[in-house]
Each structure stands twice: as structure tokens, then as C-alpha cells.
Amino acid sequence: MAKREVVGMIGLYDDPDVLISAAETVRDAGYKKWDCHTPYPVHGLDDAMGLKPSPVPYVTITAGLIGGALGMLMMWWMSAVDYPVRIGGKPYFSWQAFVPITFELFVLFAALATMGSMIFLTKLGSWASPLHDNNVMIHVVTNRYGVVLDAADEQFSEEQARALLTGTGCQDVRPLYAPEGEG
């Protein structure tokens, strides 16, 4: 039987406070490609991992402003330039009448950009994961917490990764193998 390629190492923890401490240790060790998995949001984990703030709010507001501006520009063009019709003595472009459409386009563009950026940034398009193929996610989605060190990290070696995770107090350290047929 051929030896399967190791694509990472996971340490499973029983306590979220120990997970936060482990995340700080991994961050301080200089790993770049690693992640934490929990059954629910753990307060303080983002700071422990050293994560930067998400760019999603900036994408959302930018897309919303672009949508609102395009909506207002489109209505100005249609009512004042392309087909000007004076109605009830009002000016060709009366912006108050266009506020609802502007708002709706703001919301539409913002929502679509938020959804698209979340799909892109969280890499939801990748269907296979060694975490699922190695049956560790069954633990992480119920009652345990995991730190995963990716073998693609330049610092990764099986022995050092195992020693690092064991040194954080982890009792359950497992290698993650590439799915059958790969590697």
C-alpha cells in the first residue's frame, strides 16, 4: 500500500481557552498557513490568531455607493437628457422622486457584492478538504476545537508541527492525509 501524502497536522482541544492559548503560540511561532476550527464563534480567537479586519464592510459600502450613484445617474440621463418630459411644471431632474430607486440599487449592489466577496474570501468554491476526508470535522462541529497547520507552510515539518501542538497542551494530534487518489 502506497504511503499517503501528509497535507497538514491538526490538534484537537476540549477547552476554548486552551485553543486561544494554542493559537497565540502558533502565531508567535511564525506560521502563515494555519487555521482554527470551532463549533461556535469563540470570543478573542481573531486577536489570538493575529487576523486583520475583514475587507467585506469596505466592499459592501463601496458597491452600495456605486449602485446608488449609477441609479441616480441612470435616472438623470433618462429624465433630463435622453427623454425630457416636463410634468406638472417640475424640473426635468427632480432628485426627490428618485430616492427610492437609488436606495434600492444601493441595497442591491451592496448585497450582491457582500455575497460575492464572502464566497471569494472564504474560498467556498473548493469542494474537497482533508479535514472532511480524515473524519476530524465530526469532532470540531460538535464539541471540540481544532488548530490546523497546513503542510504548504514553509515552516512545516511533521515532527515540528506535532511537537508545537503537543507543547500547547494538546492531547490529540493527528496528521491530515491527502484524499485517496491524490498525492
Protein backbone atom coordinates (compact mmCIF):
# COMPACT_ATOMS: atom_id res chain seq x y z
CA MET A 1 0.00 0.00 0.00
CA ALA A 2 1.39 3.40 -1.00
CA LYS A 3 2.06 5.95 1.71
CA ARG A 4 -0.38 8.85 1.54
CA GLU A 5 0.91 12.42 1.48
CA VAL A 6 0.59 14.43 4.71
CA VAL A 7 -1.10 17.76 3.91
CA GLY A 8 -1.28 19.09 7.45
CA MET A 9 -1.49 18.44 11.15
CA ILE A 10 -4.48 19.05 13.42
CA GLY A 11 -4.58 19.38 17.16
CA LEU A 12 -7.97 18.83 18.81
CA TYR A 13 -8.72 20.62 22.09
CA ASP A 14 -11.52 20.26 24.63
CA ASP A 15 -11.40 23.82 26.03
CA PRO A 16 -11.74 27.09 24.08
CA ASP A 17 -9.36 28.90 26.44
CA VAL A 18 -6.63 26.36 25.68
CA LEU A 19 -7.41 26.82 21.97
CA ILE A 20 -6.85 30.59 22.27
CA SER A 21 -3.54 29.98 24.03
CA ALA A 22 -2.55 27.48 21.33
CA ALA A 23 -3.48 29.96 18.59
CA GLU A 24 -1.23 32.58 20.19
CA THR A 25 1.61 30.04 20.36
CA VAL A 26 1.21 29.07 16.69
CA ARG A 27 1.01 32.73 15.66
CA ASP A 28 4.16 33.54 17.65
CA ALA A 29 5.95 30.52 16.12
CA GLY A 30 5.66 32.28 12.75
CA TYR A 31 3.26 30.00 10.88
CA LYS A 32 1.48 31.71 7.99
CA LYS A 33 -0.80 28.95 6.66
CA TRP A 34 -2.90 27.69 9.54
CA ASP A 35 -6.44 27.99 10.83
CA CYS A 36 -8.67 27.32 13.82
CA HIS A 37 -12.00 25.50 13.68
CA THR A 38 -14.68 25.72 16.37
CA PRO A 39 -18.30 24.59 16.76
CA TYR A 40 -19.33 28.19 17.56
CA PRO A 41 -17.66 31.64 17.50
CA VAL A 42 -15.02 31.94 20.21
CA HIS A 43 -14.52 35.48 21.52
CA GLY A 44 -10.90 36.62 21.25
CA LEU A 45 -9.82 33.98 18.73
CA ASP A 46 -9.35 36.51 15.91
CA ASP A 47 -6.95 38.53 18.06
CA ALA A 48 -5.14 35.39 19.20
CA MET A 49 -4.67 34.36 15.57
CA GLY A 50 -3.49 37.84 14.59
CA LEU A 51 -6.13 38.21 11.89
CA LYS A 52 -6.58 41.52 10.14
CA PRO A 53 -10.04 43.09 9.96
CA SER A 54 -12.21 41.77 7.15
CA PRO A 55 -12.38 43.80 3.92
CA VAL A 56 -16.05 42.85 3.46
CA PRO A 57 -17.51 46.04 5.02
CA TYR A 58 -15.42 48.18 2.68
CA VAL A 59 -16.50 46.13 -0.33
CA THR A 60 -20.13 46.44 0.79
CA ILE A 61 -20.17 50.22 1.25
CA THR A 62 -18.20 50.81 -1.96
CA ALA A 63 -20.54 48.65 -4.03
CA GLY A 64 -23.58 50.26 -2.40
CA LEU A 65 -22.34 53.76 -3.21
CA ILE A 66 -21.57 52.73 -6.77
CA GLY A 67 -25.04 51.22 -7.12
CA GLY A 68 -26.73 54.32 -5.73
CA ALA A 69 -24.65 56.62 -7.94
CA LEU A 70 -25.35 54.54 -11.04
CA GLY A 71 -29.06 54.53 -10.24
CA MET A 72 -29.14 58.30 -9.83
CA LEU A 73 -27.05 58.77 -12.99
CA MET A 74 -29.34 56.47 -14.97
CA MET A 75 -32.48 58.31 -13.84
CA TRP A 76 -30.90 61.72 -14.52
CA TRP A 77 -29.93 60.58 -18.02
CA MET A 78 -33.38 59.17 -18.79
CA SER A 79 -35.42 62.05 -17.38
CA ALA A 80 -33.26 65.10 -18.17
CA VAL A 81 -31.17 64.18 -21.23
CA ASP A 82 -32.48 61.21 -23.20
CA TYR A 83 -36.25 61.82 -22.93
CA PRO A 84 -37.01 65.09 -21.14
CA VAL A 85 -40.70 65.47 -20.35
CA ARG A 86 -41.86 68.35 -18.18
CA ILE A 87 -44.53 67.05 -15.80
CA GLY A 88 -46.59 69.43 -13.70
CA GLY A 89 -44.10 72.26 -14.13
CA LYS A 90 -41.38 70.37 -12.25
CA PRO A 91 -37.78 70.42 -13.42
CA TYR A 92 -36.57 67.64 -15.69
CA PHE A 93 -34.47 66.19 -12.91
CA SER A 94 -36.19 66.22 -9.54
CA TRP A 95 -33.95 64.08 -7.32
CA GLN A 96 -36.55 63.62 -4.56
CA ALA A 97 -38.60 61.37 -6.84
CA PHE A 98 -35.61 59.12 -7.43
CA VAL A 99 -34.60 58.44 -3.82
CA PRO A 100 -36.49 55.11 -3.55
CA ILE A 101 -34.85 53.70 -6.69
CA THR A 102 -31.45 54.99 -5.57
CA PHE A 103 -31.89 53.31 -2.20
CA GLU A 104 -32.97 50.04 -3.79
CA LEU A 105 -29.97 49.98 -6.11
CA PHE A 106 -27.69 50.81 -3.17
CA VAL A 107 -29.05 47.82 -1.27
CA LEU A 108 -28.96 45.51 -4.32
CA PHE A 109 -25.33 46.29 -5.23
CA ALA A 110 -24.24 46.11 -1.59
CA ALA A 111 -25.94 42.75 -1.03
CA LEU A 112 -24.56 41.18 -4.21
CA ALA A 113 -21.04 42.46 -3.50
CA THR A 114 -21.22 41.19 0.08
CA MET A 115 -22.31 37.75 -1.05
CA GLY A 116 -19.68 37.61 -3.80
CA SER A 117 -16.85 38.80 -1.59
CA MET A 118 -17.79 36.34 1.15
CA ILE A 119 -17.79 33.44 -1.32
CA PHE A 120 -14.44 34.59 -2.74
CA LEU A 121 -12.71 35.36 0.57
CA THR A 122 -13.85 32.20 2.34
CA LYS A 123 -12.97 30.03 -0.67
CA LEU A 124 -16.38 28.38 -0.68
CA GLY A 125 -15.82 27.15 -4.22
CA SER A 126 -13.40 24.43 -3.10
CA TRP A 127 -15.38 21.24 -2.56
CA ALA A 128 -12.75 18.90 -1.13
CA SER A 129 -10.99 19.30 2.18
CA PRO A 130 -8.59 17.00 4.01
CA LEU A 131 -10.49 17.89 7.19
CA HIS A 132 -13.57 16.11 5.88
CA ASP A 133 -11.69 13.25 4.28
CA ASN A 134 -9.87 12.47 7.55
CA ASN A 135 -13.05 12.49 9.66
CA VAL A 136 -11.96 15.19 12.09
CA MET A 137 -14.71 17.71 11.34
CA ILE A 138 -17.23 15.46 13.08
CA HIS A 139 -15.45 16.37 16.32
CA VAL A 140 -14.96 20.06 15.54
CA VAL A 141 -18.60 20.74 14.64
CA THR A 142 -19.90 19.16 17.84
CA ASN A 143 -17.76 19.60 20.93
CA ARG A 144 -14.06 20.11 20.18
CA TYR A 145 -11.80 22.84 18.86
CA GLY A 146 -9.06 22.41 16.29
CA VAL A 147 -5.85 24.10 15.19
CA VAL A 148 -4.79 23.04 11.70
CA LEU A 149 -1.25 23.58 10.45
CA ASP A 150 -1.03 23.42 6.66
CA ALA A 151 1.86 21.46 5.12
CA ALA A 152 2.12 24.15 2.43
CA ASP A 153 3.61 26.49 5.06
CA GLU A 154 7.35 26.92 4.57
CA GLN A 155 7.97 26.15 8.27
CA PHE A 156 6.01 22.90 8.30
CA SER A 157 7.57 19.58 9.15
CA GLU A 158 5.61 16.72 10.67
CA GLU A 159 7.84 16.41 13.72
CA GLN A 160 7.96 20.14 14.48
CA ALA A 161 4.21 20.55 13.95
CA ARG A 162 3.45 17.63 16.25
CA ALA A 163 5.86 19.00 18.88
CA LEU A 164 4.37 22.50 18.64
CA LEU A 165 0.79 21.29 19.06
CA THR A 166 1.72 18.88 21.85
CA GLY A 167 3.58 21.72 23.58
CA THR A 168 0.37 23.76 23.69
CA GLY A 169 -1.29 21.11 25.83
CA CYS A 170 -2.98 19.19 23.03
CA GLN A 171 -3.53 15.53 23.79
CA ASP A 172 -4.98 14.61 20.36
CA VAL A 173 -2.64 15.49 17.48
CA ARG A 174 -3.37 13.86 14.12
CA PRO A 175 -1.81 14.09 10.67
CA LEU A 176 -4.09 15.07 7.81
CA TYR A 177 -3.63 12.98 4.67
CA ALA A 178 -4.37 13.85 1.07
CA PRO A 179 -7.59 12.23 -0.20
CA GLU A 180 -7.28 8.81 -1.85
CA GLY A 181 -6.12 9.07 -5.42
CA GLU A 182 -4.23 12.33 -4.84
CA GLY A 183 -0.57 12.84 -3.97
